[in-house]
Protein backbone atom coordinates (compact mmCIF):
# COMPACT_ATOMS: atom_id res chain seq x y z
CA MET A 1 -69.70 76.54 29.09
CA GLY A 2 -69.02 72.84 29.64
CA GLU A 3 -66.14 71.41 31.60
CA VAL A 4 -63.02 69.54 30.60
CA VAL A 5 -63.30 66.30 32.57
CA LEU A 6 -60.55 63.78 33.11
CA TYR A 7 -62.53 60.54 33.45
CA ILE A 8 -60.27 57.53 33.86
CA ALA A 9 -59.63 54.30 35.74
CA ALA A 10 -56.41 53.59 37.59
CA SER A 11 -55.04 50.84 39.77
CA LEU A 12 -54.77 51.44 43.48
CA ASP A 13 -51.09 52.28 42.98
CA GLY A 14 -51.82 54.89 40.29
CA TYR A 15 -51.30 53.12 36.96
CA ILE A 16 -53.70 53.35 34.03
CA ALA A 17 -52.14 50.47 32.08
CA ARG A 18 -49.38 47.91 32.27
CA THR A 19 -45.98 48.95 30.92
CA ASP A 20 -46.86 47.55 27.46
CA GLY A 21 -50.18 49.46 27.41
CA ASP A 22 -52.30 46.42 28.30
CA VAL A 23 -55.54 47.24 30.13
CA SER A 24 -57.05 43.76 30.23
CA TRP A 25 -56.70 43.81 34.04
CA LEU A 26 -59.79 46.07 33.99
CA ASP A 27 -61.97 43.35 32.44
CA ALA A 28 -62.54 41.55 35.74
CA TYR A 29 -64.02 44.72 37.24
CA GLN A 30 -66.65 45.57 34.65
CA GLY A 31 -70.12 45.70 36.13
CA GLU A 32 -73.56 46.75 35.01
CA ASP A 33 -73.71 49.54 37.59
CA GLN A 34 -70.43 51.01 36.29
CA GLN A 35 -71.70 50.78 32.70
CA THR A 36 -74.79 52.78 33.64
CA ASP A 37 -72.63 55.41 35.34
CA TYR A 38 -70.33 55.59 32.29
CA GLU A 39 -73.29 55.92 29.91
CA ALA A 40 -74.68 58.83 31.94
CA PHE A 41 -71.28 60.55 31.81
CA TYR A 42 -70.86 59.85 28.08
CA GLU A 43 -74.18 61.55 27.31
CA THR A 44 -72.76 64.82 28.69
CA VAL A 45 -69.74 64.90 26.34
CA ARG A 46 -69.62 66.06 22.74
CA ALA A 47 -65.86 65.79 22.16
CA LEU A 48 -62.89 63.76 23.36
CA VAL A 49 -59.24 64.78 23.59
CA MET A 50 -56.59 62.09 23.79
CA GLY A 51 -52.95 61.38 23.09
CA SER A 52 -51.82 59.37 20.09
CA ARG A 53 -50.77 56.34 22.16
CA THR A 54 -54.19 56.19 23.82
CA TYR A 55 -55.78 56.54 20.38
CA GLU A 56 -53.69 53.65 19.06
CA GLN A 57 -54.65 51.54 22.07
CA ILE A 58 -58.35 52.19 21.48
CA LEU A 59 -57.94 51.35 17.78
CA SER A 60 -56.55 47.96 18.78
CA PHE A 61 -59.81 47.10 20.58
CA GLY A 62 -61.70 46.75 17.28
CA ASP A 63 -64.75 48.87 16.50
CA TRP A 64 -64.40 52.58 17.22
CA PRO A 65 -66.49 53.18 20.37
CA TYR A 66 -66.87 56.96 19.95
CA ALA A 67 -68.50 57.22 16.53
CA GLU A 68 -70.98 59.87 17.68
CA ARG A 69 -68.32 62.14 19.21
CA ARG A 70 -65.64 64.28 17.63
CA THR A 71 -62.20 63.14 18.75
CA TYR A 72 -59.06 65.28 18.86
CA VAL A 73 -55.77 63.39 18.95
CA LEU A 74 -52.64 65.13 20.20
CA GLY A 75 -49.37 64.23 18.54
CA GLN A 76 -47.21 64.54 15.46
CA ARG A 77 -48.16 61.23 13.83
CA ARG A 78 -50.95 60.65 11.35
CA LEU A 79 -52.68 57.43 12.27
CA PRO A 80 -55.51 55.49 10.64
CA VAL A 81 -59.05 56.78 11.10
CA PRO A 82 -61.77 54.15 11.53
CA SER A 83 -64.82 54.23 9.32
CA GLY A 84 -67.48 56.49 10.80
CA ALA A 85 -65.07 58.24 13.17
CA GLU A 86 -64.65 61.99 13.21
CA VAL A 87 -60.99 62.43 14.19
CA THR A 88 -58.81 65.54 14.06
CA PHE A 89 -55.06 65.23 14.60
CA TYR A 90 -53.43 68.18 16.32
CA ALA A 91 -49.75 68.86 16.95
CA GLY A 92 -49.95 72.15 18.90
CA GLY A 93 -50.37 73.05 22.55
CA PRO A 94 -53.39 72.36 24.75
CA GLU A 95 -54.57 75.99 24.90
CA ASP A 96 -54.82 76.31 21.11
CA LEU A 97 -56.45 72.91 20.86
CA MET A 98 -59.10 73.89 23.38
CA ARG A 99 -59.87 77.05 21.39
CA MET A 100 -60.50 74.76 18.40
CA VAL A 101 -62.64 72.39 20.49
CA ARG A 102 -64.66 75.27 21.94
CA ALA A 103 -65.35 76.55 18.43
CA PHE A 104 -67.03 73.17 17.88
CA THR A 105 -68.83 72.69 21.21
CA HIS A 106 -69.55 74.32 24.54
CA SER A 107 -70.53 70.97 26.07
CA ASP A 108 -68.32 68.87 28.31
CA VAL A 109 -65.09 67.52 26.85
CA TRP A 110 -63.66 64.18 27.94
CA LEU A 111 -59.91 64.23 28.46
CA VAL A 112 -58.61 60.70 27.85
CA GLY A 113 -54.99 59.73 28.08
CA GLY A 114 -51.80 59.15 29.91
CA ALA A 115 -49.56 61.27 32.07
CA ARG A 116 -48.18 63.49 29.29
CA VAL A 117 -51.55 64.62 27.94
CA VAL A 118 -53.12 64.84 31.39
CA GLY A 119 -50.11 66.77 32.69
CA SER A 120 -50.10 69.28 29.84
CA PHE A 121 -53.80 70.05 30.34
CA LEU A 122 -53.49 70.30 34.12
CA LYS A 123 -50.43 72.57 33.90
CA ALA A 124 -52.31 74.81 31.47
CA GLY A 125 -55.23 75.06 33.92
CA LEU A 126 -57.64 73.52 31.42
CA VAL A 127 -59.06 70.65 33.50
CA ASN A 128 -62.12 71.48 35.56
CA SER A 129 -62.80 68.15 37.17
CA LEU A 130 -61.42 64.68 37.60
CA ARG A 131 -63.43 61.46 37.90
CA LEU A 132 -61.08 58.71 38.96
CA ALA A 133 -62.26 55.11 39.16
CA VAL A 134 -59.85 53.46 41.60
CA VAL A 135 -59.67 49.77 40.79
CA PRO A 136 -58.80 47.47 43.72
CA VAL A 137 -55.70 45.96 42.14
CA VAL A 138 -52.00 46.75 42.57
CA LEU A 139 -50.05 46.52 39.31
CA GLY A 140 -46.63 47.34 40.77
CA GLU A 141 -45.52 49.10 37.59
CA GLY A 142 -47.00 50.46 34.42
CA ILE A 143 -48.07 53.69 32.77
CA ALA A 144 -48.64 56.28 35.47
CA LEU A 145 -51.72 58.49 35.58
CA PHE A 146 -49.76 61.57 36.66
CA GLU A 147 -46.33 62.96 35.87
CA ARG A 148 -44.05 63.53 38.83
CA SER A 149 -43.85 67.21 37.89
CA LEU A 150 -47.48 67.65 38.99
CA GLY A 151 -46.49 67.48 42.65
CA GLY A 152 -48.47 70.06 44.60
CA LEU A 153 -51.59 69.79 42.42
CA SER A 154 -54.56 70.68 44.60
CA LEU A 155 -57.89 68.88 44.22
CA GLU A 156 -61.11 69.21 46.17
CA LEU A 157 -63.19 66.08 46.77
CA GLU A 158 -66.71 66.57 45.43
CA GLY A 159 -68.04 63.05 45.90
CA GLU A 160 -67.44 59.33 45.91
CA HIS A 161 -69.35 56.32 44.67
CA ARG A 162 -68.70 52.68 45.60
CA PHE A 163 -69.52 49.96 43.09
CA GLU A 164 -70.26 46.29 43.81
CA SER A 165 -67.07 45.34 41.97
CA GLY A 166 -64.97 47.10 44.60
CA ILE A 167 -64.19 50.08 42.40
CA VAL A 168 -64.48 53.45 44.10
CA GLU A 169 -65.07 56.46 41.87
CA LEU A 170 -63.75 59.70 43.31
CA SER A 171 -64.90 63.02 41.88
CA TYR A 172 -62.70 66.08 42.35
CA SER A 173 -62.73 69.66 41.23
CA VAL A 174 -59.38 71.09 40.26
CA SER A 175 -58.41 74.06 42.44
């Protein structure tokens, strides 16, 4: 059975976005080598799980980038669905959601989102691995990758990859 993979970029000080959700600070660090790495990862996933705020943020970028993948959005709100997107809104807990996802696919699942979604999946023991692209910028404040309540989370380093842009991708298994 495939893994649930948290694949995300964060600033050196642990933020995934500015306080207002802006991620334009990532634009200066986009490189062809990172795109190739992302594309290889994306080929392994058949479904995405994300929170509603992340979903809204992605909608604001324009065209839906995940048209070939089923997307599950956690939250109470019903939000617009882009043309060609296969989106399921889900208001329950992560364990029940993963049962639904596994009924659809046994391939890897990409966990996308902020601290609340990431925290709920980690606390439920549903995340197998974490791929963290550490971007060489300090934001000083913003939306944190992890909730404070995750203190004591144990990870095992599986590998690292340095990109020309200065980004370092760290791969961990979740113990």
